[in-house]
Amino acid sequence: MQKFPKISVVTPSFNQGEFIEQTILSVIGQQYPNLEYIVIDGGSTDNTLEIIKKYDQYIHYWVSEKDNGQSNAINKGFNIATGDILCWLNSDDYYLPRTLFTVASFLTDGQPLLLHGNCIHIDERSNFTHGSYFDLGKEWDINHGDYILQPSSFWTKQAFKTTGTLREDLHYGFDWEWFARASSVGVNFISTAKFLSVYRIHGEQKSNNENIERFKELIGIEKQFNPDKFYYIDQKLKNRFLRIYISVDYKLLGKVKYALLRLLQPKLMKLTDIAYLKKYLEHGYRQ
């Protein structure tokens, strides 16, 4: 008889009534025989609670109360979870069919393991925008960038115990920090090319490129991971002319600006790009 490890899915939620029903249905619609579903709502004032109550019989635990942010809500869910495999699914994303069966087939041996796969991206009207492609043959380093697609990531209870909870002082990059910490304490990462989830891009989400507070937080995390890289960048940016040159609107200089930087600062341009440097000068660089 086939044994199905218990999978605990935590959904943090706050005023996502427009999308959360699809999220819930994607979890309970897996028809996975050993599922524990937990929803932690931050005190929504829209129709979220109506939708949660609609599926109350399929949700093992839910609560709606003020919390201290998304990472706090997720930790609250994990403190309740009793599964052999853990994950969280935000209330604007959803799983593809039979994802949990796929996860169970990879994470069954009770070791500190983390599985991650590919993810489809859609807009707020559910139109396809793009899909990810994780190259299994490439060497990836989580300290140099968050290549793991969070809704397509799952890990064993042993991995969570070894790594610890999410950092609640972080509000944007806590997933990246947790993945890097997991890697540093010996959690083994398993990659699959399978598409496991759908990530929704919309105007109300925190993780958009125009969110300056998110950028500042990610810079802080990246500096912790790569102090030598930022020491080199900061030393280069002490050159006032270089700072001015980077700050000039690149549209005015077109390809010439990038070509000159590549010629004169090859190592710098291997570490980063113009758009990033310009944003860093505006919001992260301190002389």
Protein backbone atom coordinates (compact mmCIF):
# COMPACT_ATOMS: atom_id res chain seq x y z
CA MET A 1 0.00 0.00 0.00
CA GLN A 2 1.41 3.39 -0.99
CA LYS A 3 2.27 5.69 1.91
CA PHE A 4 1.61 9.41 1.56
CA PRO A 5 3.66 11.68 3.84
CA LYS A 6 1.63 14.34 5.57
CA ILE A 7 1.94 17.72 3.83
CA SER A 8 1.14 20.95 5.69
CA VAL A 9 0.31 23.94 3.49
CA VAL A 10 0.15 27.37 5.17
CA THR A 11 -1.57 30.27 3.43
CA PRO A 12 -0.94 33.75 4.87
CA SER A 13 -3.70 36.13 3.89
CA PHE A 14 -4.69 39.77 4.10
CA ASN A 15 -7.39 41.40 1.95
CA GLN A 16 -6.89 39.11 -1.04
CA GLY A 17 -10.56 38.25 -1.49
CA GLU A 18 -10.19 38.70 -5.24
CA PHE A 19 -7.76 35.79 -5.50
CA ILE A 20 -7.87 33.61 -2.39
CA GLU A 21 -10.67 31.33 -3.54
CA GLN A 22 -8.53 30.10 -6.43
CA THR A 23 -5.67 29.58 -3.97
CA ILE A 24 -7.82 27.51 -1.61
CA LEU A 25 -9.33 25.45 -4.41
CA SER A 26 -5.89 24.70 -5.82
CA VAL A 27 -4.87 23.23 -2.46
CA ILE A 28 -7.94 21.22 -1.54
CA GLY A 29 -8.45 20.32 -5.21
CA GLN A 30 -5.17 18.40 -5.16
CA GLN A 31 -7.15 15.52 -3.65
CA TYR A 32 -3.99 14.64 -1.75
CA PRO A 33 -4.95 12.03 0.88
CA ASN A 34 -2.78 13.30 3.74
CA LEU A 35 -3.15 17.08 3.65
CA GLU A 36 -3.15 19.59 6.50
CA TYR A 37 -4.28 23.01 5.31
CA ILE A 38 -3.79 26.08 7.53
CA VAL A 39 -4.89 29.65 6.72
CA ILE A 40 -3.56 32.55 8.79
CA ASP A 41 -5.43 35.76 7.98
CA GLY A 42 -4.21 39.11 9.23
CA GLY A 43 -7.67 40.54 9.96
CA SER A 44 -9.00 41.09 6.44
CA THR A 45 -11.75 43.65 5.95
CA ASP A 46 -12.82 42.58 2.45
CA ASN A 47 -14.67 39.36 1.52
CA THR A 48 -11.76 37.08 2.43
CA LEU A 49 -13.41 35.66 5.56
CA GLU A 50 -16.59 34.80 3.65
CA ILE A 51 -14.51 32.72 1.25
CA ILE A 52 -12.52 31.04 4.03
CA LYS A 53 -15.73 30.11 5.85
CA LYS A 54 -17.16 28.74 2.60
CA TYR A 55 -14.43 26.07 2.62
CA ASP A 56 -14.21 25.71 6.39
CA GLN A 57 -14.75 21.93 6.30
CA TYR A 58 -11.63 21.47 4.16
CA ILE A 59 -9.37 23.78 6.19
CA HIS A 60 -7.87 22.14 9.26
CA TYR A 61 -7.20 25.41 11.06
CA TRP A 62 -7.77 29.06 10.30
CA VAL A 63 -7.69 32.30 12.24
CA SER A 64 -8.25 35.96 11.42
CA GLU A 65 -6.40 38.37 13.69
CA LYS A 66 -3.89 41.18 13.44
CA ASP A 67 -0.33 39.97 12.96
CA ASN A 68 3.12 41.51 12.61
CA GLY A 69 3.49 40.95 8.91
CA GLN A 70 3.63 38.11 6.42
CA SER A 71 6.62 36.31 7.91
CA ASN A 72 4.97 36.39 11.34
CA ALA A 73 1.76 34.94 9.88
CA ILE A 74 3.67 32.13 8.15
CA ASN A 75 5.57 31.29 11.34
CA LYS A 76 2.28 31.14 13.23
CA GLY A 77 1.07 28.59 10.71
CA PHE A 78 4.26 26.53 10.91
CA ASN A 79 4.01 26.49 14.72
CA ILE A 80 0.68 24.69 14.30
CA ALA A 81 1.68 22.46 11.39
CA THR A 82 2.29 18.76 12.04
CA GLY A 83 3.25 17.64 8.54
CA ASP A 84 6.26 15.67 7.37
CA ILE A 85 6.55 18.20 4.53
CA LEU A 86 5.99 21.94 4.91
CA CYS A 87 5.39 24.85 2.54
CA TRP A 88 3.48 28.08 2.23
CA LEU A 89 1.31 29.35 -0.59
CA ASN A 90 0.42 33.03 -0.71
CA SER A 91 -3.21 33.96 -1.14
CA ASP A 92 -2.73 35.30 -4.68
CA ASP A 93 -0.87 32.24 -6.04
CA TYR A 94 -2.01 28.68 -6.69
CA TYR A 95 -0.80 25.14 -7.28
CA LEU A 96 -0.96 23.24 -10.53
CA PRO A 97 -2.80 19.88 -10.55
CA ARG A 98 -1.09 16.98 -8.73
CA THR A 99 1.70 19.18 -7.41
CA LEU A 100 1.50 17.69 -3.92
CA PHE A 101 1.75 14.15 -5.31
CA THR A 102 4.90 15.20 -7.17
CA VAL A 103 6.32 16.73 -4.00
CA ALA A 104 5.60 13.59 -1.99
CA SER A 105 7.47 11.47 -4.54
CA PHE A 106 10.63 13.55 -3.99
CA LEU A 107 10.53 14.20 -0.23
CA THR A 108 9.89 10.86 1.41
CA ASP A 109 13.05 9.83 3.25
CA GLY A 110 12.89 12.03 6.36
CA GLN A 111 16.14 13.88 5.61
CA PRO A 112 16.67 17.67 5.68
CA LEU A 113 15.68 18.26 2.06
CA LEU A 114 14.26 21.15 0.07
CA LEU A 115 12.58 20.67 -3.31
CA HIS A 116 12.05 23.49 -5.78
CA GLY A 117 10.64 23.52 -9.29
CA ASN A 118 9.46 25.82 -12.03
CA CYS A 119 6.59 28.27 -11.95
CA ILE A 120 4.16 29.88 -14.40
CA HIS A 121 3.63 33.65 -14.11
CA ILE A 122 0.31 35.33 -14.87
CA ASP A 123 -1.11 38.83 -14.55
CA GLU A 124 -4.08 39.91 -12.43
CA ARG A 125 -6.48 38.96 -15.23
CA SER A 126 -4.98 35.44 -15.31
CA ASN A 127 -3.25 36.04 -18.64
CA PHE A 128 0.01 34.13 -19.11
CA THR A 129 3.06 36.40 -18.98
CA HIS A 130 5.98 33.98 -18.82
CA GLY A 131 7.26 30.75 -17.37
CA SER A 132 10.45 30.10 -15.48
CA TYR A 133 13.15 27.77 -16.68
CA PHE A 134 15.49 26.34 -14.09
CA ASP A 135 18.60 24.93 -15.75
CA LEU A 136 19.37 21.71 -13.86
CA GLY A 137 22.85 21.60 -15.37
CA LYS A 138 23.97 24.98 -14.07
CA GLU A 139 25.67 25.52 -10.72
CA TRP A 140 23.55 27.86 -8.60
CA ASP A 141 24.53 29.69 -5.41
CA ILE A 142 21.64 30.92 -3.29
CA ASN A 143 23.91 33.53 -1.68
CA HIS A 144 24.28 35.34 -4.99
CA GLY A 145 20.60 35.55 -5.85
CA ASP A 146 17.25 34.01 -5.00
CA TYR A 147 16.79 31.57 -7.86
CA ILE A 148 14.18 29.55 -5.92
CA LEU A 149 10.58 30.27 -6.89
CA GLN A 150 8.87 30.41 -3.52
CA PRO A 151 5.42 28.97 -4.41
CA SER A 152 7.20 26.03 -6.05
CA SER A 153 9.32 25.24 -2.97
CA PHE A 154 8.72 22.54 -0.36
CA TRP A 155 10.83 21.08 2.43
CA THR A 156 10.86 18.34 5.04
CA LYS A 157 10.11 18.85 8.72
CA GLN A 158 13.76 18.00 9.40
CA ALA A 159 14.87 20.86 7.12
CA PHE A 160 12.67 23.31 9.01
CA LYS A 161 13.88 22.15 12.42
CA THR A 162 17.48 22.44 11.27
CA THR A 163 17.04 25.90 9.76
CA GLY A 164 14.61 27.51 12.19
CA THR A 165 11.74 29.91 11.62
CA LEU A 166 11.50 32.82 9.20
CA ARG A 167 13.00 36.13 10.27
CA GLU A 168 10.10 38.33 11.31
CA ASP A 169 12.11 41.55 11.06
CA LEU A 170 12.14 41.02 7.28
CA HIS A 171 9.04 41.74 5.20
CA TYR A 172 10.19 41.22 1.60
CA GLY A 173 13.24 38.97 1.45
CA PHE A 174 12.53 36.57 4.30
CA ASP A 175 12.13 33.65 1.87
CA TRP A 176 15.54 34.27 0.28
CA GLU A 177 17.19 34.67 3.68
CA TRP A 178 15.58 31.42 4.88
CA PHE A 179 16.67 29.48 1.78
CA ALA A 180 20.25 30.75 2.18
CA ARG A 181 20.22 29.87 5.87
CA ALA A 182 18.89 26.40 5.06
CA SER A 183 21.73 25.87 2.60
CA SER A 184 24.30 27.07 5.13
CA VAL A 185 23.20 24.53 7.79
CA GLY A 186 23.35 21.58 5.41
CA VAL A 187 19.85 21.25 3.98
CA ASN A 188 20.15 19.50 0.61
CA PHE A 189 18.42 21.18 -2.32
CA ILE A 190 16.65 19.07 -4.94
CA SER A 191 15.68 20.63 -8.27
CA THR A 192 13.01 19.54 -10.71
CA ALA A 193 12.12 20.99 -14.10
CA LYS A 194 8.43 20.30 -13.41
CA PHE A 195 6.07 23.27 -13.17
CA LEU A 196 4.47 23.15 -9.74
CA SER A 197 2.71 26.48 -9.19
CA VAL A 198 1.38 29.72 -10.66
CA TYR A 199 2.62 33.09 -9.45
CA ARG A 200 0.33 36.06 -9.93
CA ILE A 201 1.75 39.48 -10.81
CA HIS A 202 -0.55 42.35 -9.85
CA GLY A 203 -0.42 45.95 -8.72
CA GLU A 204 -1.21 45.35 -5.05
CA GLN A 205 1.56 42.85 -4.31
CA LYS A 206 4.56 43.75 -2.19
CA SER A 207 7.15 42.13 -4.43
CA ASN A 208 7.13 44.59 -7.31
CA ASN A 209 10.23 46.25 -8.72
CA GLU A 210 9.04 49.76 -7.88
CA ASN A 211 8.84 49.02 -4.15
CA ILE A 212 11.82 50.96 -2.79
CA GLU A 213 11.51 49.54 0.73
CA ARG A 214 11.74 46.05 -0.76
CA PHE A 215 14.84 47.03 -2.72
CA LYS A 216 16.50 48.44 0.42
CA GLU A 217 15.76 45.27 2.39
CA LEU A 218 17.09 43.02 -0.36
CA ILE A 219 20.24 45.14 -0.57
CA GLY A 220 20.75 44.66 3.16
CA ILE A 221 20.37 40.89 2.84
CA GLU A 222 22.66 40.73 -0.18
CA LYS A 223 25.33 42.74 1.63
CA GLN A 224 25.26 40.18 4.45
CA PHE A 225 25.69 37.35 1.95
CA ASN A 226 28.31 39.06 -0.26
CA PRO A 227 30.33 41.61 1.75
CA ASP A 228 33.35 41.41 -0.59
CA LYS A 229 31.21 42.21 -3.63
CA PHE A 230 29.75 45.31 -2.04
CA TYR A 231 33.08 46.41 -0.62
CA TYR A 232 34.42 46.41 -4.20
CA ILE A 233 31.34 48.23 -5.55
CA ASP A 234 31.45 50.84 -2.77
CA GLN A 235 35.15 51.46 -3.32
CA LYS A 236 34.54 52.04 -7.02
CA LEU A 237 31.65 54.39 -6.34
CA LYS A 238 33.88 56.65 -4.30
CA ASN A 239 34.85 58.02 -7.71
CA ARG A 240 32.54 61.03 -8.08
CA PHE A 241 32.75 61.07 -11.89
CA LEU A 242 31.70 57.41 -12.03
CA ARG A 243 28.73 58.10 -9.77
CA ILE A 244 27.60 60.98 -11.96
CA TYR A 245 28.09 58.93 -15.13
CA ILE A 246 25.97 56.08 -13.79
CA SER A 247 23.27 58.48 -12.59
CA VAL A 248 22.78 60.10 -16.02
CA ASP A 249 19.68 58.85 -17.80
CA TYR A 250 20.91 55.91 -19.84
CA LYS A 251 18.38 56.71 -22.58
CA LEU A 252 20.37 59.85 -23.38
CA LEU A 253 23.51 57.84 -24.08
CA GLY A 254 22.01 54.62 -25.30
CA LYS A 255 24.37 51.70 -25.85
CA VAL A 256 27.41 53.98 -25.60
CA LYS A 257 27.03 54.26 -21.83
CA TYR A 258 26.98 50.52 -21.30
CA ALA A 259 29.85 49.93 -23.77
CA LEU A 260 32.09 52.47 -22.03
CA LEU A 261 31.39 50.99 -18.61
CA ARG A 262 32.16 47.52 -19.89
CA LEU A 263 35.41 48.80 -21.37
CA LEU A 264 36.55 50.91 -18.42
CA GLN A 265 35.04 48.92 -15.53
CA PRO A 266 34.88 45.27 -16.68
CA LYS A 267 34.98 43.74 -13.19
CA LEU A 268 32.32 46.10 -11.88
CA MET A 269 30.01 45.27 -14.79
CA LYS A 270 30.49 41.55 -14.20
CA LEU A 271 29.22 42.02 -10.66
CA THR A 272 26.15 44.07 -11.54
CA ASP A 273 24.46 46.18 -14.23
CA ILE A 274 23.68 49.84 -14.90
CA ALA A 275 20.05 49.78 -13.78
CA TYR A 276 20.99 48.13 -10.50
CA LEU A 277 23.87 50.53 -9.87
CA LYS A 278 21.68 53.54 -10.53
CA LYS A 279 19.04 52.27 -8.10
CA TYR A 280 21.73 51.40 -5.59
CA LEU A 281 23.14 54.93 -5.78
CA GLU A 282 19.69 56.38 -5.15
CA HIS A 283 18.58 54.08 -2.34
CA GLY A 284 21.39 51.92 -0.97
CA TYR A 285 24.82 53.46 -1.36
CA ARG A 286 26.37 55.31 1.59
CA GLN A 287 29.72 57.08 1.30
